[in-house]
Protein backbone atom coordinates (compact mmCIF):
# COMPACT_ATOMS: atom_id res chain seq x y z
CA UNK A 1 -129.95 85.63 70.33
CA UNK A 2 -127.12 88.10 69.97
CA UNK A 3 -127.98 91.79 69.78
CA UNK A 4 -127.08 93.42 66.47
CA UNK A 5 -128.33 96.99 66.96
CA UNK A 6 -125.58 99.58 66.58
CA UNK A 7 -125.79 102.17 69.35
CA UNK A 8 -124.02 105.50 69.68
CA UNK A 9 -124.18 108.45 72.04
CA UNK A 10 -127.56 110.15 71.75
CA UNK A 11 -129.53 106.94 71.26
CA UNK A 12 -132.23 106.03 73.75
CA UNK A 13 -134.70 103.30 74.53
CA UNK A 14 -134.96 99.70 75.67
CA UNK A 15 -131.84 98.57 73.80
CA UNK A 16 -129.79 101.26 75.54
CA UNK A 17 -131.20 100.07 78.87
CA UNK A 18 -130.08 96.55 77.94
CA UNK A 19 -126.62 97.92 77.13
CA UNK A 20 -126.45 99.80 80.43
CA UNK A 21 -127.39 96.68 82.38
CA UNK A 22 -124.81 94.55 80.55
CA UNK A 23 -122.07 97.13 81.11
CA UNK A 24 -122.94 97.32 84.80
CA UNK A 25 -123.04 93.52 85.11
CA UNK A 26 -119.60 93.34 83.47
CA UNK A 27 -118.21 95.80 86.04
CA UNK A 28 -118.21 98.97 83.92
CA UNK A 29 -120.41 101.63 85.54
CA UNK A 30 -122.58 103.32 82.88
CA UNK A 31 -124.17 105.72 85.36
CA UNK A 32 -127.93 105.68 85.92
CA UNK A 33 -129.88 102.93 84.13
CA UNK A 34 -132.22 105.30 82.30
CA UNK A 35 -132.22 104.22 78.65
CA UNK A 36 -130.19 107.28 77.60
CA UNK A 37 -126.87 106.76 75.81
CA UNK A 38 -124.99 109.72 77.26
CA UNK A 39 -121.33 110.48 77.99
CA UNK A 40 -121.15 108.11 80.98
CA UNK A 41 -122.36 105.21 78.79
CA UNK A 42 -119.82 106.15 76.12
CA UNK A 43 -117.01 106.14 78.70
CA UNK A 44 -118.15 102.79 80.14
CA UNK A 45 -118.42 101.29 76.64
CA UNK A 46 -114.93 102.54 75.76
CA UNK A 47 -113.44 101.11 78.97
CA UNK A 48 -115.15 97.79 78.21
CA UNK A 49 -113.88 97.86 74.60
CA UNK A 50 -110.36 98.60 75.82
CA UNK A 51 -110.51 95.71 78.30
CA UNK A 52 -111.65 93.37 75.52
CA UNK A 53 -109.09 94.73 73.03
CA UNK A 54 -111.79 96.02 70.71
CA UNK A 55 -111.63 99.30 68.79
CA UNK A 56 -112.17 101.92 71.49
CA UNK A 57 -114.69 104.11 69.68
CA UNK A 58 -117.67 104.11 72.07
CA UNK A 59 -119.86 102.72 69.29
CA UNK A 60 -121.61 99.56 70.42
CA UNK A 61 -121.82 97.28 67.40
CA UNK A 62 -121.88 93.51 66.83
CA UNK A 63 -118.39 92.80 68.23
CA UNK A 64 -119.00 94.81 71.40
CA UNK A 65 -122.44 93.22 71.85
CA UNK A 66 -120.95 89.74 71.42
CA UNK A 67 -118.33 90.43 74.10
CA UNK A 68 -120.88 92.00 76.44
CA UNK A 69 -123.28 89.10 76.09
CA UNK A 70 -120.47 86.59 76.66
CA UNK A 71 -118.87 88.46 79.57
CA UNK A 72 -118.98 86.57 82.86
CA UNK A 73 -119.90 88.63 85.90
CA UNK A 74 -116.90 90.14 87.65
CA UNK A 75 -115.39 88.12 90.46
CA UNK A 76 -116.16 89.53 93.87
CA UNK A 77 -113.19 91.30 95.37
CA UNK A 78 -111.18 89.18 97.79
CA UNK A 79 -112.06 89.85 101.39
CA UNK A 80 -109.82 90.29 104.36
CA UNK A 81 -110.77 89.07 107.81
CA UNK A 82 -109.42 92.34 109.22
CA UNK A 83 -111.85 94.34 107.06
CA UNK A 84 -114.73 92.03 107.98
CA UNK A 85 -113.97 92.52 111.68
CA UNK A 86 -114.06 96.31 111.31
CA UNK A 87 -117.78 96.05 110.55
CA UNK A 88 -118.65 93.78 113.47
CA UNK A 89 -121.40 95.41 115.53
CA UNK A 90 -122.83 92.55 117.60
CA UNK A 91 -125.71 91.73 115.27
CA UNK A 92 -127.21 88.25 115.83
CA UNK A 93 -126.44 87.16 112.26
CA UNK A 94 -122.82 88.24 112.73
CA UNK A 95 -122.52 86.21 115.93
CA UNK A 96 -124.00 83.22 114.10
CA UNK A 97 -121.54 83.66 111.23
CA UNK A 98 -118.59 83.83 113.63
CA UNK A 99 -119.81 80.77 115.53
CA UNK A 100 -120.08 78.92 112.21
CA UNK A 101 -116.58 80.04 111.17
CA UNK A 102 -115.14 78.96 114.52
CA UNK A 103 -116.59 75.49 113.96
CA UNK A 104 -114.72 75.26 110.63
CA UNK A 105 -111.30 76.02 112.12
CA UNK A 106 -109.24 73.30 113.85
CA UNK A 107 -108.88 73.83 117.60
CA UNK A 108 -105.07 74.03 117.38
CA UNK A 109 -105.39 76.92 114.92
CA UNK A 110 -107.88 78.69 117.18
CA UNK A 111 -105.58 78.23 120.18
CA UNK A 112 -102.66 79.76 118.28
CA UNK A 113 -104.86 82.62 117.09
CA UNK A 114 -105.95 83.41 120.67
CA UNK A 115 -102.30 83.50 121.80
CA UNK A 116 -101.40 85.92 119.02
CA UNK A 117 -104.55 88.00 119.53
CA UNK A 118 -103.79 88.52 123.21
CA UNK A 119 -100.21 89.47 122.45
CA UNK A 120 -97.00 88.60 124.27
CA UNK A 121 -97.41 87.48 127.85
CA UNK A 122 -96.50 90.13 130.42
CA UNK A 123 -93.52 89.31 132.67
């Protein structure tokens, strides 16, 4: 059931906690999840309202609630193999993940990768 409580800065309680969790889930950091509607919640609510083309007033009413409750979770940021490799530290689960990945890549692609990884052949 859709939330209908109107919340503004200064409010507190379980409904504010719900708001904070929904803002965080939608990718808008409300600060600590503490049930207090403070300035950081207002800013997060306004950024959310702006993103959803709602009146940017920081007041969380029926339209903002409806958008928050319908908002899909944010997509994870795309990863880069280079960034993943920077965090390699020889952990067993990392070795297992790399072994799995290697099994997914055609041998011809792996061979070409190894050539490029090693660099140009020395004369």
